[in-house]
Amino acid sequence: MASKVVEKADGTWMPLAAGILDLVAGVPALIIGILFLADAKVPGWLSGVVGFGVLTDRIVVLATIFAVIAIAGGAFAIRKRTWRLALAGSIFAVFCAWIFGIPAIVFTVVGKKHFK
């Protein structure tokens, strides 16, 4: 039974995992970035979760752009299309939430052969 599971686990899950991690890093960063850009009141604990803290407007705009790239890269990784864009999304996910971005880079690089 276990040997069948190992045979089926040929690494095709890696791009999917990388895409999910990119989205998990990018979506909250995008939401928080939009809230900061809209001058909404963001609780202090929430701003520390993603790592924005107290930032200037320019850095918030840059972080929001990074979040959009991470989300787009996650979509490419989930669809297993355009490895370079998926890798770029994983790299930018590191700037959104490094705890999710670093494994996303590893899964994207190791799962390269599964992209079209």
C-alpha atoms as a PDB file:
ATOM      1  CA  MET A   1       0.000   0.000   0.000  1.00  0.00           C
ATOM      2  CA  ALA A   2       2.712   2.479   0.964  1.00  0.00           C
ATOM      3  CA  SER A   3       4.721   1.671  -2.154  1.00  0.00           C
ATOM      4  CA  LYS A   4       1.759   2.702  -4.338  1.00  0.00           C
ATOM      5  CA  VAL A   5       1.586   6.049  -2.587  1.00  0.00           C
ATOM      6  CA  VAL A   6       5.307   6.596  -3.103  1.00  0.00           C
ATOM      7  CA  GLU A   7       5.015   5.685  -6.786  1.00  0.00           C
ATOM      8  CA  LYS A   8       2.204   8.193  -7.315  1.00  0.00           C
ATOM      9  CA  ALA A   9       4.014  10.935  -5.388  1.00  0.00           C
ATOM     10  CA  ASP A  10       6.327  11.736  -8.274  1.00  0.00           C
ATOM     11  CA  GLY A  11       6.654  15.429  -7.504  1.00  0.00           C
ATOM     12  CA  THR A  12       3.681  16.769  -9.427  1.00  0.00           C
ATOM     13  CA  TRP A  13       2.390  18.194  -6.156  1.00  0.00           C
ATOM     14  CA  MET A  14       5.323  20.610  -5.855  1.00  0.00           C
ATOM     15  CA  PRO A  15       4.068  23.282  -8.300  1.00  0.00           C
ATOM     16  CA  LEU A  16       0.639  23.128  -6.672  1.00  0.00           C
ATOM     17  CA  ALA A  17       2.148  23.533  -3.193  1.00  0.00           C
ATOM     18  CA  ALA A  18       4.330  26.401  -4.422  1.00  0.00           C
ATOM     19  CA  GLY A  19       1.312  28.159  -5.927  1.00  0.00           C
ATOM     20  CA  ILE A  20      -0.716  27.777  -2.767  1.00  0.00           C
ATOM     21  CA  LEU A  21       2.165  29.124  -0.670  1.00  0.00           C
ATOM     22  CA  ASP A  22       2.514  32.085  -3.048  1.00  0.00           C
ATOM     23  CA  LEU A  23      -1.175  32.853  -2.634  1.00  0.00           C
ATOM     24  CA  VAL A  24      -1.027  32.437   1.142  1.00  0.00           C
ATOM     25  CA  ALA A  25       1.831  34.952   1.233  1.00  0.00           C
ATOM     26  CA  GLY A  26       0.465  37.354  -1.376  1.00  0.00           C
ATOM     27  CA  VAL A  27      -3.233  37.702  -0.619  1.00  0.00           C
ATOM     28  CA  PRO A  28      -2.907  38.944   2.991  1.00  0.00           C
ATOM     29  CA  ALA A  29      -0.044  41.228   1.945  1.00  0.00           C
ATOM     30  CA  LEU A  30      -2.206  42.659  -0.835  1.00  0.00           C
ATOM     31  CA  ILE A  31      -5.168  43.205   1.496  1.00  0.00           C
ATOM     32  CA  ILE A  32      -3.018  44.902   4.118  1.00  0.00           C
ATOM     33  CA  GLY A  33      -1.278  46.971   1.446  1.00  0.00           C
ATOM     34  CA  ILE A  34      -4.601  48.163   0.068  1.00  0.00           C
ATOM     35  CA  LEU A  35      -5.790  49.005   3.578  1.00  0.00           C
ATOM     36  CA  PHE A  36      -2.637  51.031   4.211  1.00  0.00           C
ATOM     37  CA  LEU A  37      -2.993  52.779   0.868  1.00  0.00           C
ATOM     38  CA  ALA A  38      -6.615  53.595   1.673  1.00  0.00           C
ATOM     39  CA  ASP A  39      -5.523  55.046   5.050  1.00  0.00           C
ATOM     40  CA  ALA A  40      -7.768  52.612   6.849  1.00  0.00           C
ATOM     41  CA  LYS A  41      -7.214  51.829  10.483  1.00  0.00           C
ATOM     42  CA  VAL A  42      -5.222  48.601  10.648  1.00  0.00           C
ATOM     43  CA  PRO A  43      -4.784  46.978  14.040  1.00  0.00           C
ATOM     44  CA  GLY A  44      -1.194  46.893  15.225  1.00  0.00           C
ATOM     45  CA  TRP A  45      -1.070  43.113  15.505  1.00  0.00           C
ATOM     46  CA  LEU A  46      -2.283  42.755  11.905  1.00  0.00           C
ATOM     47  CA  SER A  47       0.371  45.032  10.478  1.00  0.00           C
ATOM     48  CA  GLY A  48       3.062  42.996  12.219  1.00  0.00           C
ATOM     49  CA  VAL A  49       1.805  39.689  10.827  1.00  0.00           C
ATOM     50  CA  VAL A  50       2.911  40.355   7.278  1.00  0.00           C
ATOM     51  CA  GLY A  51       5.847  42.492   8.315  1.00  0.00           C
ATOM     52  CA  PHE A  52       4.751  45.889   7.021  1.00  0.00           C
ATOM     53  CA  GLY A  53       4.888  47.648  10.389  1.00  0.00           C
ATOM     54  CA  VAL A  54       5.149  51.416  10.103  1.00  0.00           C
ATOM     55  CA  LEU A  55       6.129  52.145   6.521  1.00  0.00           C
ATOM     56  CA  THR A  56       6.140  55.078   4.202  1.00  0.00           C
ATOM     57  CA  ASP A  57       3.706  55.306   1.314  1.00  0.00           C
ATOM     58  CA  ARG A  58       6.367  54.405  -1.243  1.00  0.00           C
ATOM     59  CA  ILE A  59       7.288  51.205   0.512  1.00  0.00           C
ATOM     60  CA  VAL A  60       3.631  50.244   0.905  1.00  0.00           C
ATOM     61  CA  VAL A  61       3.096  50.742  -2.827  1.00  0.00           C
ATOM     62  CA  LEU A  62       6.168  48.617  -3.557  1.00  0.00           C
ATOM     63  CA  ALA A  63       5.017  45.898  -1.137  1.00  0.00           C
ATOM     64  CA  THR A  64       1.572  45.897  -2.741  1.00  0.00           C
ATOM     65  CA  ILE A  65       3.144  45.450  -6.179  1.00  0.00           C
ATOM     66  CA  PHE A  66       5.235  42.572  -4.788  1.00  0.00           C
ATOM     67  CA  ALA A  67       2.028  40.983  -3.470  1.00  0.00           C
ATOM     68  CA  VAL A  68       0.374  41.232  -6.889  1.00  0.00           C
ATOM     69  CA  ILE A  69       3.399  39.581  -8.529  1.00  0.00           C
ATOM     70  CA  ALA A  70       3.362  36.831  -5.885  1.00  0.00           C
ATOM     71  CA  ILE A  71      -0.325  36.180  -6.542  1.00  0.00           C
ATOM     72  CA  ALA A  72       0.193  36.094 -10.311  1.00  0.00           C
ATOM     73  CA  GLY A  73       3.149  33.739  -9.904  1.00  0.00           C
ATOM     74  CA  GLY A  74       1.049  31.526  -7.667  1.00  0.00           C
ATOM     75  CA  ALA A  75      -1.614  31.303 -10.361  1.00  0.00           C
ATOM     76  CA  PHE A  76       1.017  30.285 -12.924  1.00  0.00           C
ATOM     77  CA  ALA A  77       2.448  27.693 -10.534  1.00  0.00           C
ATOM     78  CA  ILE A  78      -0.951  26.158  -9.817  1.00  0.00           C
ATOM     79  CA  ARG A  79      -1.631  25.892 -13.557  1.00  0.00           C
ATOM     80  CA  LYS A  80       1.942  24.575 -14.105  1.00  0.00           C
ATOM     81  CA  ARG A  81       2.569  27.125 -16.820  1.00  0.00           C
ATOM     82  CA  THR A  82       5.513  29.455 -17.465  1.00  0.00           C
ATOM     83  CA  TRP A  83       8.070  28.335 -14.905  1.00  0.00           C
ATOM     84  CA  ARG A  84       9.933  31.658 -14.922  1.00  0.00           C
ATOM     85  CA  LEU A  85       6.838  33.620 -13.926  1.00  0.00           C
ATOM     86  CA  ALA A  86       6.028  31.062 -11.242  1.00  0.00           C
ATOM     87  CA  LEU A  87       9.576  31.412  -9.914  1.00  0.00           C
ATOM     88  CA  ALA A  88       9.304  35.205  -9.957  1.00  0.00           C
ATOM     89  CA  GLY A  89       6.080  34.936  -7.970  1.00  0.00           C
ATOM     90  CA  SER A  90       7.793  32.721  -5.414  1.00  0.00           C
ATOM     91  CA  ILE A  91      10.710  35.124  -5.107  1.00  0.00           C
ATOM     92  CA  PHE A  92       8.387  38.070  -4.538  1.00  0.00           C
ATOM     93  CA  ALA A  93       6.396  36.000  -2.042  1.00  0.00           C
ATOM     94  CA  VAL A  94       9.516  36.032   0.144  1.00  0.00           C
ATOM     95  CA  PHE A  95       9.112  39.801   0.498  1.00  0.00           C
ATOM     96  CA  CYS A  96       5.459  39.363   1.486  1.00  0.00           C
ATOM     97  CA  ALA A  97       5.882  36.568   4.028  1.00  0.00           C
ATOM     98  CA  TRP A  98       9.235  34.808   4.038  1.00  0.00           C
ATOM     99  CA  ILE A  99       7.927  31.815   5.994  1.00  0.00           C
ATOM    100  CA  PHE A 100       5.815  30.881   2.954  1.00  0.00           C
ATOM    101  CA  GLY A 101       8.051  32.320   0.253  1.00  0.00           C
ATOM    102  CA  ILE A 102      11.166  30.265   0.940  1.00  0.00           C
ATOM    103  CA  PRO A 103       9.424  26.866   0.670  1.00  0.00           C
ATOM    104  CA  ALA A 104       7.600  28.169  -2.422  1.00  0.00           C
ATOM    105  CA  ILE A 105      10.945  28.883  -4.095  1.00  0.00           C
ATOM    106  CA  VAL A 106      12.216  25.418  -3.211  1.00  0.00           C
ATOM    107  CA  PHE A 107       9.074  23.702  -4.524  1.00  0.00           C
ATOM    108  CA  THR A 108       9.124  25.779  -7.710  1.00  0.00           C
ATOM    109  CA  VAL A 109      12.774  25.026  -8.455  1.00  0.00           C
ATOM    110  CA  VAL A 110      12.562  21.328  -7.609  1.00  0.00           C
ATOM    111  CA  GLY A 111       9.300  20.910  -9.535  1.00  0.00           C
ATOM    112  CA  LYS A 112      10.586  22.670 -12.671  1.00  0.00           C
ATOM    113  CA  LYS A 113      10.214  19.585 -14.878  1.00  0.00           C
ATOM    114  CA  HIS A 114       6.467  19.535 -14.275  1.00  0.00           C
ATOM    115  CA  PHE A 115       5.897  22.939 -15.905  1.00  0.00           C
ATOM    116  CA  LYS A 116       4.923  23.315 -19.544  1.00  0.00           C
END
